[in-house]
Amino acid sequence: MPNKQVLVRDIPDSVYEWIERERHAKRVSQKAFLLNVLENAAKHSSAETGAAGPSAFSKMTLVYWKSKKFWLGKLLEHPEIMTQGRTLEELERNIREAYMLMAMDEVPEDYQIREVAMA
């Protein structure tokens, strides 16, 4: 298999600092960290549009259990969000959809996005 490369130049300082902090915390190389981030984004991207949603870059904790017919689950970070699925995969899809519905509730179509540092 041929060696495939992607070259990225002029990375903003804040992004570079984030990469370095995260890779040091995980004790992996820069290459391994970036490949992991890209693989996770690819896994969580929308099949129809190819666009990555917020879930591509963040994780939450799903608490789940089996009832007689369905898997039930809720997010620890947002316990008000609860859903079900016939399979664990369906439960995960449904919890992502429920989260996005809650997060985007009452947001107009012409919204904008800005990253905000919380610390």
PDB file of N, CA and C in Angstrom:
ATOM      1  N   MET A   1       0.852  -1.178   0.000  1.00  0.00           N
ATOM      2  CA  MET A   1       0.000   0.000   0.000  1.00  0.00           C
ATOM      3  C   MET A   1       0.893   1.233   0.000  1.00  0.00           C
ATOM      4  N   PRO A   2       0.608   2.205  -0.874  1.00  0.00           N
ATOM      5  CA  PRO A   2       1.446   3.401  -0.936  1.00  0.00           C
ATOM      6  C   PRO A   2       1.315   4.237   0.332  1.00  0.00           C
ATOM      7  N   ASN A   3       2.376   4.957   0.640  1.00  0.00           N
ATOM      8  CA  ASN A   3       2.396   5.830   1.812  1.00  0.00           C
ATOM      9  C   ASN A   3       1.566   7.079   1.511  1.00  0.00           C
ATOM     10  N   LYS A   4       0.484   7.252   2.234  1.00  0.00           N
ATOM     11  CA  LYS A   4      -0.385   8.420   2.035  1.00  0.00           C
ATOM     12  C   LYS A   4      -0.074   9.439   3.105  1.00  0.00           C
ATOM     13  N   GLN A   5       0.096  10.681   2.695  1.00  0.00           N
ATOM     14  CA  GLN A   5       0.446  11.722   3.644  1.00  0.00           C
ATOM     15  C   GLN A   5      -0.484  12.913   3.502  1.00  0.00           C
ATOM     16  N   VAL A   6      -0.682  13.594   4.616  1.00  0.00           N
ATOM     17  CA  VAL A   6      -1.412  14.851   4.648  1.00  0.00           C
ATOM     18  C   VAL A   6      -0.510  15.849   5.355  1.00  0.00           C
ATOM     19  N   LEU A   7      -0.278  16.975   4.740  1.00  0.00           N
ATOM     20  CA  LEU A   7       0.574  18.001   5.323  1.00  0.00           C
ATOM     21  C   LEU A   7      -0.302  19.178   5.743  1.00  0.00           C
ATOM     22  N   VAL A   8      -0.172  19.593   6.976  1.00  0.00           N
ATOM     23  CA  VAL A   8      -0.933  20.731   7.476  1.00  0.00           C
ATOM     24  C   VAL A   8       0.048  21.788   7.937  1.00  0.00           C
ATOM     25  N   ARG A   9      -0.097  22.987   7.417  1.00  0.00           N
ATOM     26  CA  ARG A   9       0.789  24.095   7.783  1.00  0.00           C
ATOM     27  C   ARG A   9      -0.017  25.199   8.436  1.00  0.00           C
ATOM     28  N   ASP A  10       0.687  26.074   9.124  1.00  0.00           N
ATOM     29  CA  ASP A  10       0.090  27.281   9.714  1.00  0.00           C
ATOM     30  C   ASP A  10      -1.070  26.954  10.662  1.00  0.00           C
ATOM     31  N   ILE A  11      -0.837  26.006  11.551  1.00  0.00           N
ATOM     32  CA  ILE A  11      -1.840  25.643  12.560  1.00  0.00           C
ATOM     33  C   ILE A  11      -1.909  26.771  13.589  1.00  0.00           C
ATOM     34  N   PRO A  12      -3.103  27.239  13.940  1.00  0.00           N
ATOM     35  CA  PRO A  12      -3.208  28.285  14.962  1.00  0.00           C
ATOM     36  C   PRO A  12      -2.565  27.832  16.272  1.00  0.00           C
ATOM     37  N   ASP A  13      -1.963  28.762  16.975  1.00  0.00           N
ATOM     38  CA  ASP A  13      -1.271  28.448  18.230  1.00  0.00           C
ATOM     39  C   ASP A  13      -2.174  27.709  19.214  1.00  0.00           C
ATOM     40  N   SER A  14      -3.430  28.139  19.322  1.00  0.00           N
ATOM     41  CA  SER A  14      -4.330  27.510  20.290  1.00  0.00           C
ATOM     42  C   SER A  14      -4.581  26.039  19.943  1.00  0.00           C
ATOM     43  N   VAL A  15      -4.684  25.718  18.657  1.00  0.00           N
ATOM     44  CA  VAL A  15      -4.900  24.331  18.234  1.00  0.00           C
ATOM     45  C   VAL A  15      -3.642  23.513  18.493  1.00  0.00           C
ATOM     46  N   TYR A  16      -2.491  24.079  18.146  1.00  0.00           N
ATOM     47  CA  TYR A  16      -1.227  23.373  18.376  1.00  0.00           C
ATOM     48  C   TYR A  16      -1.021  23.087  19.869  1.00  0.00           C
ATOM     49  N   GLU A  17      -1.312  24.074  20.707  1.00  0.00           N
ATOM     50  CA  GLU A  17      -1.161  23.892  22.152  1.00  0.00           C
ATOM     51  C   GLU A  17      -2.107  22.809  22.666  1.00  0.00           C
ATOM     52  N   TRP A  18      -3.329  22.770  22.146  1.00  0.00           N
ATOM     53  CA  TRP A  18      -4.286  21.735  22.524  1.00  0.00           C
ATOM     54  C   TRP A  18      -3.762  20.351  22.136  1.00  0.00           C
ATOM     55  N   ILE A  19      -3.268  20.225  20.908  1.00  0.00           N
ATOM     56  CA  ILE A  19      -2.714  18.950  20.443  1.00  0.00           C
ATOM     57  C   ILE A  19      -1.601  18.500  21.374  1.00  0.00           C
ATOM     58  N   GLU A  20      -0.699  19.389  21.687  1.00  0.00           N
ATOM     59  CA  GLU A  20       0.440  19.040  22.537  1.00  0.00           C
ATOM     60  C   GLU A  20      -0.004  18.641  23.945  1.00  0.00           C
ATOM     61  N   ARG A  21      -0.940  19.402  24.535  1.00  0.00           N
ATOM     62  CA  ARG A  21      -1.441  19.065  25.877  1.00  0.00           C
ATOM     63  C   ARG A  21      -2.077  17.680  25.884  1.00  0.00           C
ATOM     64  N   GLU A  22      -2.947  17.436  24.918  1.00  0.00           N
ATOM     65  CA  GLU A  22      -3.687  16.176  24.873  1.00  0.00           C
ATOM     66  C   GLU A  22      -2.775  14.989  24.595  1.00  0.00           C
ATOM     67  N   ARG A  23      -1.846  15.140  23.674  1.00  0.00           N
ATOM     68  CA  ARG A  23      -0.979  14.001  23.345  1.00  0.00           C
ATOM     69  C   ARG A  23      -0.025  13.675  24.486  1.00  0.00           C
ATOM     70  N   HIS A  24       0.452  14.730  25.191  1.00  0.00           N
ATOM     71  CA  HIS A  24       1.305  14.488  26.359  1.00  0.00           C
ATOM     72  C   HIS A  24       0.513  13.793  27.464  1.00  0.00           C
ATOM     73  N   ALA A  25      -0.722  14.219  27.677  1.00  0.00           N
ATOM     74  CA  ALA A  25      -1.563  13.600  28.707  1.00  0.00           C
ATOM     75  C   ALA A  25      -1.826  12.131  28.388  1.00  0.00           C
ATOM     76  N   LYS A  26      -1.969  11.816  27.101  1.00  0.00           N
ATOM     77  CA  LYS A  26      -2.235  10.439  26.684  1.00  0.00           C
ATOM     78  C   LYS A  26      -0.945   9.657  26.442  1.00  0.00           C
ATOM     79  N   ARG A  27       0.176  10.359  26.496  1.00  0.00           N
ATOM     80  CA  ARG A  27       1.504   9.750  26.291  1.00  0.00           C
ATOM     81  C   ARG A  27       1.601   9.034  24.955  1.00  0.00           C
ATOM     82  N   VAL A  28       1.224   9.758  23.897  1.00  0.00           N
ATOM     83  CA  VAL A  28       1.329   9.230  22.540  1.00  0.00           C
ATOM     84  C   VAL A  28       2.047  10.249  21.663  1.00  0.00           C
ATOM     85  N   SER A  29       2.470   9.788  20.496  1.00  0.00           N
ATOM     86  CA  SER A  29       3.127  10.702  19.553  1.00  0.00           C
ATOM     87  C   SER A  29       2.095  11.647  18.949  1.00  0.00           C
ATOM     88  N   GLN A  30       2.592  12.718  18.369  1.00  0.00           N
ATOM     89  CA  GLN A  30       1.705  13.672  17.705  1.00  0.00           C
ATOM     90  C   GLN A  30       0.941  12.971  16.582  1.00  0.00           C
ATOM     91  N   LYS A  31       1.643  12.144  15.810  1.00  0.00           N
ATOM     92  CA  LYS A  31       1.014  11.417  14.706  1.00  0.00           C
ATOM     93  C   LYS A  31      -0.095  10.503  15.222  1.00  0.00           C
ATOM     94  N   ALA A  32       0.198   9.715  16.263  1.00  0.00           N
ATOM     95  CA  ALA A  32      -0.802   8.793  16.811  1.00  0.00           C
ATOM     96  C   ALA A  32      -2.019   9.549  17.332  1.00  0.00           C
ATOM     97  N   PHE A  33      -1.791  10.675  18.006  1.00  0.00           N
ATOM     98  CA  PHE A  33      -2.901  11.464  18.546  1.00  0.00           C
ATOM     99  C   PHE A  33      -3.778  12.009  17.421  1.00  0.00           C
ATOM    100  N   LEU A  34      -3.149  12.610  16.407  1.00  0.00           N
ATOM    101  CA  LEU A  34      -3.916  13.211  15.311  1.00  0.00           C
ATOM    102  C   LEU A  34      -4.666  12.153  14.508  1.00  0.00           C
ATOM    103  N   LEU A  35      -4.055  10.994  14.287  1.00  0.00           N
ATOM    104  CA  LEU A  35      -4.761   9.919  13.587  1.00  0.00           C
ATOM    105  C   LEU A  35      -5.969   9.457  14.382  1.00  0.00           C
ATOM    106  N   ASN A  36      -5.823   9.376  15.709  1.00  0.00           N
ATOM    107  CA  ASN A  36      -6.942   8.984  16.556  1.00  0.00           C
ATOM    108  C   ASN A  36      -8.080  10.002  16.474  1.00  0.00           C
ATOM    109  N   VAL A  37      -7.749  11.282  16.523  1.00  0.00           N
ATOM    110  CA  VAL A  37      -8.767  12.341  16.420  1.00  0.00           C
ATOM    111  C   VAL A  37      -9.488  12.241  15.088  1.00  0.00           C
ATOM    112  N   LEU A  38      -8.734  12.074  14.001  1.00  0.00           N
ATOM    113  CA  LEU A  38      -9.343  11.987  12.671  1.00  0.00           C
ATOM    114  C   LEU A  38     -10.188  10.729  12.515  1.00  0.00           C
ATOM    115  N   GLU A  39      -9.720   9.600  13.037  1.00  0.00           N
ATOM    116  CA  GLU A  39     -10.506   8.369  12.970  1.00  0.00           C
ATOM    117  C   GLU A  39     -11.809   8.501  13.742  1.00  0.00           C
ATOM    118  N   ASN A  40     -11.764   9.116  14.926  1.00  0.00           N
ATOM    119  CA  ASN A  40     -12.990   9.341  15.704  1.00  0.00           C
ATOM    120  C   ASN A  40     -13.946  10.268  14.967  1.00  0.00           C
ATOM    121  N   ALA A  41     -13.414  11.313  14.339  1.00  0.00           N
ATOM    122  CA  ALA A  41     -14.267  12.230  13.579  1.00  0.00           C
ATOM    123  C   ALA A  41     -14.913  11.492  12.417  1.00  0.00           C
ATOM    124  N   ALA A  42     -14.155  10.637  11.738  1.00  0.00           N
ATOM    125  CA  ALA A  42     -14.705   9.883  10.613  1.00  0.00           C
ATOM    126  C   ALA A  42     -15.806   8.934  11.072  1.00  0.00           C
ATOM    127  N   LYS A  43     -15.616   8.288  12.223  1.00  0.00           N
ATOM    128  CA  LYS A  43     -16.619   7.366  12.761  1.00  0.00           C
ATOM    129  C   LYS A  43     -17.919   8.076  13.091  1.00  0.00           C
ATOM    130  N   HIS A  44     -17.823   9.314  13.579  1.00  0.00           N
ATOM    131  CA  HIS A  44     -19.007  10.031  14.054  1.00  0.00           C
ATOM    132  C   HIS A  44     -19.567  11.023  13.047  1.00  0.00           C
ATOM    133  N   SER A  45     -19.027  11.043  11.845  1.00  0.00           N
ATOM    134  CA  SER A  45     -19.527  12.004  10.862  1.00  0.00           C
ATOM    135  C   SER A  45     -20.848  11.512  10.297  1.00  0.00           C
ATOM    136  N   SER A  46     -21.603  12.439   9.785  1.00  0.00           N
ATOM    137  CA  SER A  46     -22.904  12.117   9.218  1.00  0.00           C
ATOM    138  C   SER A  46     -22.716  11.365   7.910  1.00  0.00           C
ATOM    139  N   ALA A  47     -23.391  10.228   7.750  1.00  0.00           N
ATOM    140  CA  ALA A  47     -23.272   9.422   6.537  1.00  0.00           C
ATOM    141  C   ALA A  47     -23.801  10.170   5.317  1.00  0.00           C
ATOM    142  N   GLU A  48     -24.828  10.994   5.500  1.00  0.00           N
ATOM    143  CA  GLU A  48     -25.426  11.691   4.362  1.00  0.00           C
ATOM    144  C   GLU A  48     -24.574  12.866   3.881  1.00  0.00           C
ATOM    145  N   THR A  49     -24.063  13.646   4.807  1.00  0.00           N
ATOM    146  CA  THR A  49     -23.375  14.871   4.414  1.00  0.00           C
ATOM    147  C   THR A  49     -21.872  14.793   4.533  1.00  0.00           C
ATOM    148  N   GLY A  50     -21.377  13.853   5.318  1.00  0.00           N
ATOM    149  CA  GLY A  50     -19.940  13.785   5.546  1.00  0.00           C
ATOM    150  C   GLY A  50     -19.459  14.850   6.509  1.00  0.00           C
ATOM    151  N   ALA A  51     -20.380  15.616   7.083  1.00  0.00           N
ATOM    152  CA  ALA A  51     -20.014  16.702   7.996  1.00  0.00           C
ATOM    153  C   ALA A  51     -19.941  16.181   9.412  1.00  0.00           C
ATOM    154  N   ALA A  52     -18.908  16.572  10.097  1.00  0.00           N
ATOM    155  CA  ALA A  52     -18.752  16.157  11.488  1.00  0.00           C
ATOM    156  C   ALA A  52     -19.585  17.043  12.378  1.00  0.00           C
ATOM    157  N   GLY A  53     -20.321  16.440  13.285  1.00  0.00           N
ATOM    158  CA  GLY A  53     -21.099  17.198  14.258  1.00  0.00           C
ATOM    159  C   GLY A  53     -20.319  17.349  15.549  1.00  0.00           C
ATOM    160  N   PRO A  54     -20.898  18.008  16.539  1.00  0.00           N
ATOM    161  CA  PRO A  54     -20.203  18.216  17.798  1.00  0.00           C
ATOM    162  C   PRO A  54     -19.747  16.922  18.460  1.00  0.00           C
ATOM    163  N   SER A  55     -20.506  15.849  18.262  1.00  0.00           N
ATOM    164  CA  SER A  55     -20.129  14.597  18.894  1.00  0.00           C
ATOM    165  C   SER A  55     -18.848  14.014  18.350  1.00  0.00           C
ATOM    166  N   ALA A  56     -18.394  14.498  17.209  1.00  0.00           N
ATOM    167  CA  ALA A  56     -17.155  13.983  16.646  1.00  0.00           C
ATOM    168  C   ALA A  56     -15.956  14.361  17.487  1.00  0.00           C
ATOM    169  N   PHE A  57     -16.067  15.396  18.285  1.00  0.00           N
ATOM    170  CA  PHE A  57     -14.908  15.882  19.010  1.00  0.00           C
ATOM    171  C   PHE A  57     -15.096  15.879  20.515  1.00  0.00           C
ATOM    172  N   SER A  58     -16.242  15.458  20.995  1.00  0.00           N
ATOM    173  CA  SER A  58     -16.447  15.405  22.431  1.00  0.00           C
ATOM    174  C   SER A  58     -17.113  14.087  22.792  1.00  0.00           C
ATOM    175  N   LYS A  59     -16.955  13.695  24.033  1.00  0.00           N
ATOM    176  CA  LYS A  59     -17.560  12.453  24.501  1.00  0.00           C
ATOM    177  C   LYS A  59     -18.369  12.727  25.756  1.00  0.00           C
ATOM    178  N   MET A  60     -19.436  11.963  25.914  1.00  0.00           N
ATOM    179  CA  MET A  60     -20.246  12.018  27.119  1.00  0.00           C
ATOM    180  C   MET A  60     -20.426  10.596  27.615  1.00  0.00           C
ATOM    181  N   THR A  61     -20.922  10.462  28.819  1.00  0.00           N
ATOM    182  CA  THR A  61     -21.064   9.152  29.445  1.00  0.00           C
ATOM    183  C   THR A  61     -22.502   8.683  29.344  1.00  0.00           C
ATOM    184  N   LEU A  62     -22.697   7.557  28.653  1.00  0.00           N
ATOM    185  CA  LEU A  62     -24.016   6.963  28.507  1.00  0.00           C
ATOM    186  C   LEU A  62     -24.196   5.892  29.580  1.00  0.00           C
ATOM    187  N   VAL A  63     -25.218   6.055  30.411  1.00  0.00           N
ATOM    188  CA  VAL A  63     -25.587   5.034  31.391  1.00  0.00           C
ATOM    189  C   VAL A  63     -26.747   4.275  30.759  1.00  0.00           C
ATOM    190  N   TYR A  64     -26.630   2.942  30.659  1.00  0.00           N
ATOM    191  CA  TYR A  64     -27.671   2.188  29.964  1.00  0.00           C
ATOM    192  C   TYR A  64     -27.954   0.863  30.654  1.00  0.00           C
ATOM    193  N   TRP A  65     -29.134   0.327  30.362  1.00  0.00           N
ATOM    194  CA  TRP A  65     -29.562  -0.936  30.938  1.00  0.00           C
ATOM    195  C   TRP A  65     -30.590  -1.560  30.017  1.00  0.00           C
ATOM    196  N   LYS A  66     -30.833  -2.848  30.207  1.00  0.00           N
ATOM    197  CA  LYS A  66     -31.767  -3.589  29.363  1.00  0.00           C
ATOM    198  C   LYS A  66     -33.100  -3.749  30.078  1.00  0.00           C
ATOM    199  N   SER A  67     -34.183  -3.361  29.411  1.00  0.00           N
ATOM    200  CA  SER A  67     -35.530  -3.650  29.916  1.00  0.00           C
ATOM    201  C   SER A  67     -35.978  -4.946  29.231  1.00  0.00           C
ATOM    202  N   LYS A  68     -37.252  -5.276  29.335  1.00  0.00           N
ATOM    203  CA  LYS A  68     -37.720  -6.511  28.694  1.00  0.00           C
ATOM    204  C   LYS A  68     -37.545  -6.478  27.177  1.00  0.00           C
ATOM    205  N   LYS A  69     -37.832  -5.322  26.559  1.00  0.00           N
ATOM    206  CA  LYS A  69     -37.770  -5.229  25.100  1.00  0.00           C
ATOM    207  C   LYS A  69     -36.650  -4.347  24.578  1.00  0.00           C
ATOM    208  N   PHE A  70     -36.297  -3.289  25.295  1.00  0.00           N
ATOM    209  CA  PHE A  70     -35.394  -2.271  24.773  1.00  0.00           C
ATOM    210  C   PHE A  70     -34.190  -2.039  25.674  1.00  0.00           C
ATOM    211  N   TRP A  71     -33.152  -1.464  25.070  1.00  0.00           N
ATOM    212  CA  TRP A  71     -32.051  -0.879  25.833  1.00  0.00           C
ATOM    213  C   TRP A  71     -32.475   0.545  26.154  1.00  0.00           C
ATOM    214  N   LEU A  72     -32.334   0.961  27.394  1.00  0.00           N
ATOM    215  CA  LEU A  72     -32.668   2.311  27.839  1.00  0.00           C
ATOM    216  C   LEU A  72     -31.382   2.995  28.264  1.00  0.00           C
ATOM    217  N   GLY A  73     -31.310   4.303  28.077  1.00  0.00           N
ATOM    218  CA  GLY A  73     -30.101   4.995  28.489  1.00  0.00           C
ATOM    219  C   GLY A  73     -30.309   6.482  28.661  1.00  0.00           C
ATOM    220  N   LYS A  74     -29.386   7.089  29.429  1.00  0.00           N
ATOM    221  CA  LYS A  74     -29.384   8.538  29.631  1.00  0.00           C
ATOM    222  C   LYS A  74     -27.945   8.995  29.739  1.00  0.00           C
ATOM    223  N   LEU A  75     -27.725  10.278  29.515  1.00  0.00           N
ATOM    224  CA  LEU A  75     -26.387  10.853  29.613  1.00  0.00           C
ATOM    225  C   LEU A  75     -26.140  11.335  31.032  1.00  0.00           C
ATOM    226  N   LEU A  76     -25.010  10.939  31.611  1.00  0.00           N
ATOM    227  CA  LEU A  76     -24.682  11.411  32.960  1.00  0.00           C
ATOM    228  C   LEU A  76     -24.555  12.927  32.987  1.00  0.00           C
ATOM    229  N   GLU A  77     -23.979  13.486  31.927  1.00  0.00           N
ATOM    230  CA  GLU A  77     -23.771  14.933  31.878  1.00  0.00           C
ATOM    231  C   GLU A  77     -25.076  15.701  31.665  1.00  0.00           C
ATOM    232  N   HIS A  78     -26.096  15.038  31.129  1.00  0.00           N
ATOM    233  CA  HIS A  78     -27.417  15.637  30.901  1.00  0.00           C
ATOM    234  C   HIS A  78     -28.475  14.605  31.255  1.00  0.00           C
ATOM    235  N   PRO A  79     -28.714  14.358  32.541  1.00  0.00           N
ATOM    236  CA  PRO A  79     -29.641  13.293  32.939  1.00  0.00           C
ATOM    237  C   PRO A  79     -31.075  13.505  32.471  1.00  0.00           C
ATOM    238  N   GLU A  80     -31.397  14.702  32.026  1.00  0.00           N
ATOM    239  CA  GLU A  80     -32.741  14.943  31.509  1.00  0.00           C
ATOM    240  C   GLU A  80     -32.936  14.341  30.120  1.00  0.00           C
ATOM    241  N   ILE A  81     -31.849  13.929  29.486  1.00  0.00           N
ATOM    242  CA  ILE A  81     -31.921  13.324  28.153  1.00  0.00           C
ATOM    243  C   ILE A  81     -31.898  11.809  28.314  1.00  0.00           C
ATOM    244  N   MET A  82     -32.996  11.180  27.913  1.00  0.00           N
ATOM    245  CA  MET A  82     -33.128   9.729  28.035  1.00  0.00           C
ATOM    246  C   MET A  82     -33.807   9.204  26.785  1.00  0.00           C
ATOM    247  N   THR A  83     -33.410   8.009  26.331  1.00  0.00           N
ATOM    248  CA  THR A  83     -34.030   7.418  25.152  1.00  0.00           C
ATOM    249  C   THR A  83     -33.896   5.905  25.210  1.00  0.00           C
ATOM    250  N   GLN A  84     -34.311   5.241  24.120  1.00  0.00           N
ATOM    251  CA  GLN A  84     -34.272   3.787  24.065  1.00  0.00           C
ATOM    252  C   GLN A  84     -33.862   3.332  22.672  1.00  0.00           C
ATOM    253  N   GLY A  85     -33.553   2.042  22.543  1.00  0.00           N
ATOM    254  CA  GLY A  85     -33.232   1.451  21.253  1.00  0.00           C
ATOM    255  C   GLY A  85     -33.357  -0.052  21.335  1.00  0.00           C
ATOM    256  N   ARG A  86     -33.648  -0.677  20.212  1.00  0.00           N
ATOM    257  CA  ARG A  86     -33.753  -2.142  20.184  1.00  0.00           C
ATOM    258  C   ARG A  86     -32.386  -2.801  20.332  1.00  0.00           C
ATOM    259  N   THR A  87     -31.328  -2.098  19.884  1.00  0.00           N
ATOM    260  CA  THR A  87     -29.955  -2.579  20.019  1.00  0.00           C
ATOM    261  C   THR A  87     -29.137  -1.476  20.689  1.00  0.00           C
ATOM    262  N   LEU A  88     -27.931  -1.814  21.145  1.00  0.00           N
ATOM    263  CA  LEU A  88     -27.060  -0.791  21.722  1.00  0.00           C
ATOM    264  C   LEU A  88     -26.675   0.252  20.674  1.00  0.00           C
ATOM    265  N   GLU A  89     -26.459  -0.199  19.439  1.00  0.00           N
ATOM    266  CA  GLU A  89     -26.126   0.744  18.367  1.00  0.00           C
ATOM    267  C   GLU A  89     -27.256   1.738  18.135  1.00  0.00           C
ATOM    268  N   GLU A  90     -28.498   1.239  18.125  1.00  0.00           N
ATOM    269  CA  GLU A  90     -29.648   2.124  17.949  1.00  0.00           C
ATOM    270  C   GLU A  90     -29.779   3.072  19.144  1.00  0.00           C
ATOM    271  N   LEU A  91     -29.532   2.574  20.342  1.00  0.00           N
ATOM    272  CA  LEU A  91     -29.567   3.428  21.529  1.00  0.00           C
ATOM    273  C   LEU A  91     -28.560   4.555  21.402  1.00  0.00           C
ATOM    274  N   GLU A  92     -27.335   4.250  20.965  1.00  0.00           N
ATOM    275  CA  GLU A  92     -26.312   5.294  20.801  1.00  0.00           C
ATOM    276  C   GLU A  92     -26.731   6.321  19.758  1.00  0.00           C
ATOM    277  N   ARG A  93     -27.275   5.856  18.625  1.00  0.00           N
ATOM    278  CA  ARG A  93     -27.753   6.802  17.598  1.00  0.00           C
ATOM    279  C   ARG A  93     -28.864   7.686  18.167  1.00  0.00           C
ATOM    280  N   ASN A  94     -29.790   7.070  18.895  1.00  0.00           N
ATOM    281  CA  ASN A  94     -30.920   7.821  19.443  1.00  0.00           C
ATOM    282  C   ASN A  94     -30.479   8.833  20.503  1.00  0.00           C
ATOM    283  N   ILE A  95     -29.482   8.475  21.326  1.00  0.00           N
ATOM    284  CA  ILE A  95     -29.031   9.415  22.369  1.00  0.00           C
ATOM    285  C   ILE A  95     -28.312  10.598  21.722  1.00  0.00           C
ATOM    286  N   ARG A  96     -27.548  10.347  20.642  1.00  0.00           N
ATOM    287  CA  ARG A  96     -26.909  11.462  19.918  1.00  0.00           C
ATOM    288  C   ARG A  96     -27.970  12.398  19.328  1.00  0.00           C
ATOM    289  N   GLU A  97     -28.991  11.811  18.719  1.00  0.00           N
ATOM    290  CA  GLU A  97     -30.063  12.607  18.122  1.00  0.00           C
ATOM    291  C   GLU A  97     -30.810  13.399  19.200  1.00  0.00           C
ATOM    292  N   ALA A  98     -31.105  12.755  20.321  1.00  0.00           N
ATOM    293  CA  ALA A  98     -31.810  13.440  21.413  1.00  0.00           C
ATOM    294  C   ALA A  98     -30.971  14.606  21.941  1.00  0.00           C
ATOM    295  N   TYR A  99     -29.656  14.389  22.059  1.00  0.00           N
ATOM    296  CA  TYR A  99     -28.777  15.459  22.525  1.00  0.00           C
ATOM    297  C   TYR A  99     -28.801  16.633  21.557  1.00  0.00           C
ATOM    298  N   MET A 100     -28.682  16.350  20.255  1.00  0.00           N
ATOM    299  CA  MET A 100     -28.682  17.433  19.269  1.00  0.00           C
ATOM    300  C   MET A 100     -30.017  18.171  19.253  1.00  0.00           C
ATOM    301  N   LEU A 101     -31.114  17.444  19.393  1.00  0.00           N
ATOM    302  CA  LEU A 101     -32.423  18.106  19.453  1.00  0.00           C
ATOM    303  C   LEU A 101     -32.505  19.045  20.645  1.00  0.00           C
ATOM    304  N   MET A 102     -31.985  18.594  21.796  1.00  0.00           N
ATOM    305  CA  MET A 102     -31.996  19.430  22.991  1.00  0.00           C
ATOM    306  C   MET A 102     -31.056  20.627  22.820  1.00  0.00           C
ATOM    307  N   ALA A 103     -29.861  20.370  22.311  1.00  0.00           N
ATOM    308  CA  ALA A 103     -28.873  21.442  22.184  1.00  0.00           C
ATOM    309  C   ALA A 103     -29.308  22.505  21.179  1.00  0.00           C
ATOM    310  N   MET A 104     -30.001  22.094  20.121  1.00  0.00           N
ATOM    311  CA  MET A 104     -30.369  23.039  19.060  1.00  0.00           C
ATOM    312  C   MET A 104     -31.800  23.568  19.201  1.00  0.00           C
ATOM    313  N   ASP A 105     -32.489  23.199  20.289  1.00  0.00           N
ATOM    314  CA  ASP A 105     -33.852  23.668  20.509  1.00  0.00           C
ATOM    315  C   ASP A 105     -33.879  25.199  20.539  1.00  0.00           C
ATOM    316  N   GLU A 106     -34.781  25.778  19.789  1.00  0.00           N
ATOM    317  CA  GLU A 106     -35.001  27.222  19.731  1.00  0.00           C
ATOM    318  C   GLU A 106     -33.833  28.006  19.135  1.00  0.00           C
ATOM    319  N   VAL A 107     -32.924  27.336  18.410  1.00  0.00           N
ATOM    320  CA  VAL A 107     -31.824  28.026  17.733  1.00  0.00           C
ATOM    321  C   VAL A 107     -32.291  28.325  16.308  1.00  0.00           C
ATOM    322  N   PRO A 108     -32.217  29.596  15.868  1.00  0.00           N
ATOM    323  CA  PRO A 108     -32.675  29.929  14.518  1.00  0.00           C
ATOM    324  C   PRO A 108     -31.773  29.313  13.445  1.00  0.00           C
ATOM    325  N   GLU A 109     -32.289  29.202  12.209  1.00  0.00           N
ATOM    326  CA  GLU A 109     -31.537  28.577  11.122  1.00  0.00           C
ATOM    327  C   GLU A 109     -30.261  29.328  10.761  1.00  0.00           C
ATOM    328  N   ASP A 110     -30.207  30.610  11.015  1.00  0.00           N
ATOM    329  CA  ASP A 110     -29.031  31.399  10.636  1.00  0.00           C
ATOM    330  C   ASP A 110     -28.048  31.561  11.803  1.00  0.00           C
ATOM    331  N   TYR A 111     -27.857  30.482  12.592  1.00  0.00           N
ATOM    332  CA  TYR A 111     -26.974  30.550  13.757  1.00  0.00           C
ATOM    333  C   TYR A 111     -25.504  30.576  13.330  1.00  0.00           C
ATOM    334  N   GLN A 112     -24.658  31.006  14.242  1.00  0.00           N
ATOM    335  CA  GLN A 112     -23.213  31.002  14.055  1.00  0.00           C
ATOM    336  C   GLN A 112     -22.581  30.218  15.196  1.00  0.00           C
ATOM    337  N   ILE A 113     -21.334  29.793  14.986  1.00  0.00           N
ATOM    338  CA  ILE A 113     -20.618  29.017  15.996  1.00  0.00           C
ATOM    339  C   ILE A 113     -19.327  29.713  16.348  1.00  0.00           C
ATOM    340  N   ARG A 114     -18.986  29.734  17.631  1.00  0.00           N
ATOM    341  CA  ARG A 114     -17.724  30.285  18.103  1.00  0.00           C
ATOM    342  C   ARG A 114     -17.244  29.419  19.256  1.00  0.00           C
ATOM    343  N   GLU A 115     -15.975  29.059  19.233  1.00  0.00           N
ATOM    344  CA  GLU A 115     -15.403  28.292  20.333  1.00  0.00           C
ATOM    345  C   GLU A 115     -15.072  29.231  21.470  1.00  0.00           C
ATOM    346  N   VAL A 116     -15.423  28.839  22.693  1.00  0.00           N
ATOM    347  CA  VAL A 116     -15.205  29.664  23.867  1.00  0.00           C
ATOM    348  C   VAL A 116     -14.403  28.864  24.884  1.00  0.00           C
ATOM    349  N   ALA A 117     -13.302  29.438  25.361  1.00  0.00           N
ATOM    350  CA  ALA A 117     -12.502  28.784  26.386  1.00  0.00           C
ATOM    351  C   ALA A 117     -13.218  28.915  27.726  1.00  0.00           C
ATOM    352  N   MET A 118     -13.338  27.812  28.447  1.00  0.00           N
ATOM    353  CA  MET A 118     -14.068  27.817  29.710  1.00  0.00           C
ATOM    354  C   MET A 118     -13.139  27.956  30.924  1.00  0.00           C
ATOM    355  N   ALA A 119     -11.859  27.973  30.704  1.00  0.00           N
ATOM    356  CA  ALA A 119     -10.937  28.107  31.835  1.00  0.00           C
ATOM    357  C   ALA A 119     -10.006  29.274  31.641  1.00  0.00           C
TER     358      ALA A 119
END
